[in-house]
N, C-alpha and C. Protein backbone atom coordinates (compact mmCIF):
# COMPACT_ATOMS: atom_id res chain seq x y z
N UNK A 1 0.83 -1.17 -0.09
CA UNK A 1 -0.04 0.03 0.02
C UNK A 1 0.85 1.26 -0.01
N UNK A 2 1.96 1.34 0.63
CA UNK A 2 2.72 2.35 0.73
C UNK A 2 3.53 2.60 -0.59
N UNK A 3 3.81 1.41 -1.32
CA UNK A 3 4.46 1.65 -2.56
C UNK A 3 3.47 2.13 -3.65
N UNK A 4 2.24 1.80 -3.47
CA UNK A 4 1.09 2.27 -4.40
C UNK A 4 0.89 3.95 -4.22
N UNK A 5 0.90 4.27 -2.97
CA UNK A 5 0.75 5.75 -2.62
C UNK A 5 1.98 6.44 -3.10
N UNK A 6 3.10 6.10 -2.94
CA UNK A 6 4.31 6.51 -3.43
C UNK A 6 4.37 6.63 -4.96
N UNK A 7 3.91 5.62 -5.51
CA UNK A 7 3.80 5.57 -7.03
C UNK A 7 2.67 6.53 -7.68
N UNK A 8 1.64 6.67 -7.01
CA UNK A 8 0.62 7.69 -7.44
C UNK A 8 1.17 8.89 -7.25
N UNK A 9 1.83 9.28 -6.15
CA UNK A 9 2.39 10.67 -5.95
C UNK A 9 3.48 11.00 -6.98
N UNK A 10 4.34 10.09 -7.21
CA UNK A 10 5.25 10.18 -8.30
C UNK A 10 4.65 10.43 -9.66
N UNK A 11 3.61 9.68 -10.06
CA UNK A 11 2.98 9.86 -11.38
C UNK A 11 2.33 11.13 -11.47
N UNK A 12 1.69 11.57 -10.29
CA UNK A 12 1.03 12.89 -10.20
C UNK A 12 1.99 14.14 -10.43
N UNK A 13 3.14 13.88 -9.68
CA UNK A 13 4.30 14.92 -9.84
C UNK A 13 4.71 15.06 -11.30
N UNK A 14 4.95 14.03 -12.00
CA UNK A 14 5.34 14.03 -13.21
C UNK A 14 4.45 14.56 -14.20
N UNK A 15 3.19 14.16 -14.11
CA UNK A 15 2.03 14.92 -14.89
C UNK A 15 2.02 16.27 -14.70
N UNK A 16 2.00 16.76 -13.40
CA UNK A 16 1.85 18.25 -13.11
C UNK A 16 3.21 19.03 -13.75
N UNK A 17 4.44 18.33 -13.57
CA UNK A 17 5.56 18.94 -14.24
C UNK A 17 5.41 19.18 -15.68
N UNK A 18 4.84 17.98 -16.24
CA UNK A 18 4.81 18.17 -17.89
C UNK A 18 3.75 19.20 -18.23
N UNK A 19 2.79 19.48 -17.33
CA UNK A 19 1.73 20.51 -17.62
C UNK A 19 2.28 21.94 -17.46
N UNK A 20 3.09 22.10 -16.51
CA UNK A 20 3.76 23.37 -16.21
C UNK A 20 4.76 23.68 -17.29
N UNK A 21 5.55 22.72 -17.74
CA UNK A 21 6.43 22.87 -18.81
C UNK A 21 5.76 23.21 -20.18
N UNK A 22 4.55 22.40 -20.50
CA UNK A 22 3.80 22.67 -21.72
C UNK A 22 3.32 24.10 -21.64
N UNK A 23 2.75 24.60 -20.56
CA UNK A 23 2.17 25.88 -20.50
C UNK A 23 3.12 26.99 -20.75
N UNK A 24 4.52 26.77 -20.14
CA UNK A 24 5.71 27.64 -20.28
C UNK A 24 5.84 27.67 -21.81
N UNK A 25 5.91 26.67 -22.56
CA UNK A 25 6.29 26.72 -23.93
C UNK A 25 5.25 27.36 -24.69
N UNK A 26 3.99 27.11 -24.38
CA UNK A 26 2.90 27.80 -25.17
C UNK A 26 3.12 29.41 -25.16
N UNK A 27 3.44 29.78 -23.87
CA UNK A 27 3.63 31.27 -23.63
C UNK A 27 4.98 32.04 -24.07
N UNK A 28 5.95 31.10 -24.35
CA UNK A 28 7.32 31.57 -24.72
C UNK A 28 7.13 32.24 -26.05
N UNK A 29 7.59 33.49 -26.27
CA UNK A 29 7.54 34.21 -27.57
C UNK A 29 6.43 35.15 -27.48
N UNK A 30 5.44 35.19 -26.61
CA UNK A 30 4.27 36.12 -26.54
C UNK A 30 4.79 37.49 -26.42
N UNK A 31 5.87 37.80 -25.38
CA UNK A 31 6.43 39.06 -25.38
C UNK A 31 7.17 39.52 -26.51
N UNK A 32 7.59 38.62 -27.27
CA UNK A 32 8.41 39.05 -28.56
C UNK A 32 7.37 39.51 -29.71
N UNK A 33 6.35 38.95 -29.70
CA UNK A 33 5.37 39.34 -30.64
C UNK A 33 4.74 40.61 -30.33
N UNK A 34 4.58 40.88 -28.99
CA UNK A 34 4.19 42.20 -28.58
C UNK A 34 5.07 43.30 -28.77
N UNK A 35 6.34 42.92 -28.47
CA UNK A 35 7.35 44.00 -28.88
C UNK A 35 7.37 44.40 -30.30
N UNK A 36 7.40 43.31 -31.07
CA UNK A 36 7.48 43.50 -32.66
C UNK A 36 6.27 44.32 -33.06
N UNK A 37 5.06 44.13 -32.61
CA UNK A 37 3.93 44.90 -32.87
C UNK A 37 4.15 46.54 -32.49
N UNK A 38 4.65 46.64 -31.25
CA UNK A 38 4.86 47.93 -30.65
C UNK A 38 5.85 48.64 -31.47
N UNK A 39 6.98 47.98 -31.92
CA UNK A 39 7.97 48.57 -32.77
C UNK A 39 7.39 49.09 -34.05
N UNK A 40 6.66 48.17 -34.74
CA UNK A 40 6.04 48.23 -36.03
C UNK A 40 5.11 49.71 -35.94
N UNK A 41 4.31 49.78 -34.83
CA UNK A 41 3.42 50.94 -34.71
C UNK A 41 4.34 52.20 -34.49
N UNK A 42 5.14 52.15 -33.65
CA UNK A 42 6.13 53.43 -33.63
C UNK A 42 6.75 53.77 -35.03
N UNK A 43 7.17 52.76 -35.65
CA UNK A 43 7.83 53.05 -36.91
C UNK A 43 6.79 53.51 -37.93
N UNK A 44 5.69 53.31 -37.91
CA UNK A 44 4.62 53.70 -38.80
C UNK A 44 4.25 55.09 -38.54
N UNK A 45 4.17 55.53 -37.15
CA UNK A 45 3.97 56.75 -36.84
C UNK A 45 5.21 57.66 -37.14
N UNK A 46 6.29 57.19 -36.89
CA UNK A 46 7.42 57.95 -37.31
C UNK A 46 7.48 58.25 -38.81
N UNK A 47 7.23 57.27 -39.53
CA UNK A 47 7.28 57.33 -40.98
C UNK A 47 6.24 58.38 -41.49
N UNK A 48 5.15 58.40 -40.86
CA UNK A 48 4.04 59.32 -41.11
C UNK A 48 4.47 60.70 -40.80
N UNK A 49 5.18 60.96 -39.59
CA UNK A 49 5.45 62.21 -39.21
C UNK A 49 6.69 62.71 -40.18
N UNK A 50 7.66 61.80 -40.54
CA UNK A 50 8.59 62.32 -41.58
C UNK A 50 8.00 62.49 -42.89
N UNK A 51 6.99 61.88 -43.31
CA UNK A 51 6.35 62.27 -44.63
C UNK A 51 5.68 63.60 -44.49
N UNK A 52 5.04 63.87 -43.50
CA UNK A 52 4.35 65.11 -43.15
C UNK A 52 5.34 66.24 -43.21
N UNK A 53 6.44 65.99 -42.40
CA UNK A 53 7.43 67.19 -42.42
C UNK A 53 8.08 67.41 -43.77
N UNK A 54 8.26 66.55 -44.62
CA UNK A 54 9.02 66.76 -45.73
C UNK A 54 8.05 67.61 -46.80
N UNK A 55 6.69 67.64 -46.42
CA UNK A 55 5.82 68.40 -47.18
C UNK A 55 5.87 69.89 -46.99
N UNK A 56 6.38 70.34 -45.76
CA UNK A 56 6.61 71.66 -45.48
C UNK A 56 7.89 72.21 -46.26
N UNK A 57 7.60 73.46 -46.64
CA UNK A 57 8.75 74.11 -47.55
C UNK A 57 9.81 74.74 -46.69
N UNK A 58 9.63 74.80 -45.20
CA UNK A 58 10.64 75.34 -44.47
C UNK A 58 11.75 74.32 -44.21
N UNK A 59 12.89 74.95 -43.73
CA UNK A 59 14.21 74.20 -43.81
C UNK A 59 14.07 73.44 -42.41
N UNK A 60 13.35 73.93 -41.35
CA UNK A 60 13.26 73.33 -40.05
C UNK A 60 12.56 71.81 -40.24
N UNK A 61 11.54 71.80 -40.98
CA UNK A 61 10.84 70.59 -41.10
C UNK A 61 11.72 69.46 -41.78
N UNK A 62 12.52 70.05 -42.91
CA UNK A 62 13.29 68.96 -43.53
C UNK A 62 14.56 68.61 -42.78
N UNK A 63 15.07 69.35 -41.87
CA UNK A 63 16.09 69.12 -40.95
C UNK A 63 15.49 67.99 -39.81
N UNK A 64 14.38 68.42 -39.40
CA UNK A 64 13.69 67.41 -38.49
C UNK A 64 13.56 66.06 -39.10
N UNK A 65 12.93 66.02 -40.31
CA UNK A 65 12.55 64.82 -40.95
C UNK A 65 13.98 64.00 -41.12
N UNK A 66 15.02 64.82 -41.62
CA UNK A 66 16.28 64.03 -41.84
C UNK A 66 16.87 63.53 -40.61
N UNK A 67 16.77 64.28 -39.46
CA UNK A 67 17.27 63.78 -38.22
C UNK A 67 16.59 62.55 -37.60
N UNK A 68 15.25 62.65 -37.91
CA UNK A 68 14.49 61.51 -37.49
C UNK A 68 14.88 60.20 -38.27
N UNK A 69 14.93 60.36 -39.63
CA UNK A 69 15.36 59.10 -40.51
C UNK A 69 16.82 58.65 -40.01
N UNK A 70 17.65 59.53 -39.76
CA UNK A 70 19.13 59.11 -39.35
C UNK A 70 19.09 58.42 -38.12
N UNK A 71 18.25 58.89 -37.06
CA UNK A 71 18.15 58.08 -35.79
C UNK A 71 17.44 56.73 -35.98
N UNK A 72 16.57 56.68 -36.79
CA UNK A 72 15.98 55.27 -36.96
C UNK A 72 16.86 54.32 -37.65
N UNK A 73 17.55 54.90 -38.73
CA UNK A 73 18.51 54.14 -39.40
C UNK A 73 19.71 53.66 -38.50
N UNK A 74 20.22 54.63 -37.69
CA UNK A 74 21.22 54.12 -36.60
C UNK A 74 20.72 53.20 -35.56
N UNK A 75 19.45 53.32 -35.27
CA UNK A 75 18.91 52.28 -34.20
C UNK A 75 18.77 50.85 -34.94
N UNK A 76 18.35 50.85 -35.98
CA UNK A 76 18.24 49.69 -36.92
C UNK A 76 19.41 49.01 -37.16
N UNK A 77 20.63 49.85 -37.33
CA UNK A 77 21.98 49.17 -37.73
C UNK A 77 22.47 48.56 -36.36
N UNK A 78 22.03 49.07 -35.27
CA UNK A 78 22.62 48.44 -34.06
C UNK A 78 21.92 47.20 -33.54
N UNK A 79 20.97 46.72 -34.29
CA UNK A 79 20.16 45.57 -33.84
C UNK A 79 21.15 44.40 -34.29
N UNK A 80 21.27 43.60 -33.43
CA UNK A 80 22.19 42.22 -33.54
C UNK A 80 21.16 40.99 -33.61
N UNK A 81 20.96 40.23 -34.54
CA UNK A 81 20.09 39.10 -34.51
C UNK A 81 21.01 37.78 -33.89
N UNK A 82 20.50 37.12 -33.03
CA UNK A 82 21.34 35.93 -32.49
C UNK A 82 20.93 34.75 -33.05
């Protein structure tokens, strides 16, 4: 009877461990997807602002647009994929 109880406890622990591991694997990568979506949203907003600023005839708008484009390009160049 003791062996049966210990066997059942062991089987239960293994099953629970597999459930926890499976749930962790299902959630891994969720944060990455959210960050990529956020980066795309910010990029689109910046692109729209650059396009709007280039439409102005003033020099300040063009300088600001060029500065934004340069900063975005330098940030993208710094990204290292593993």
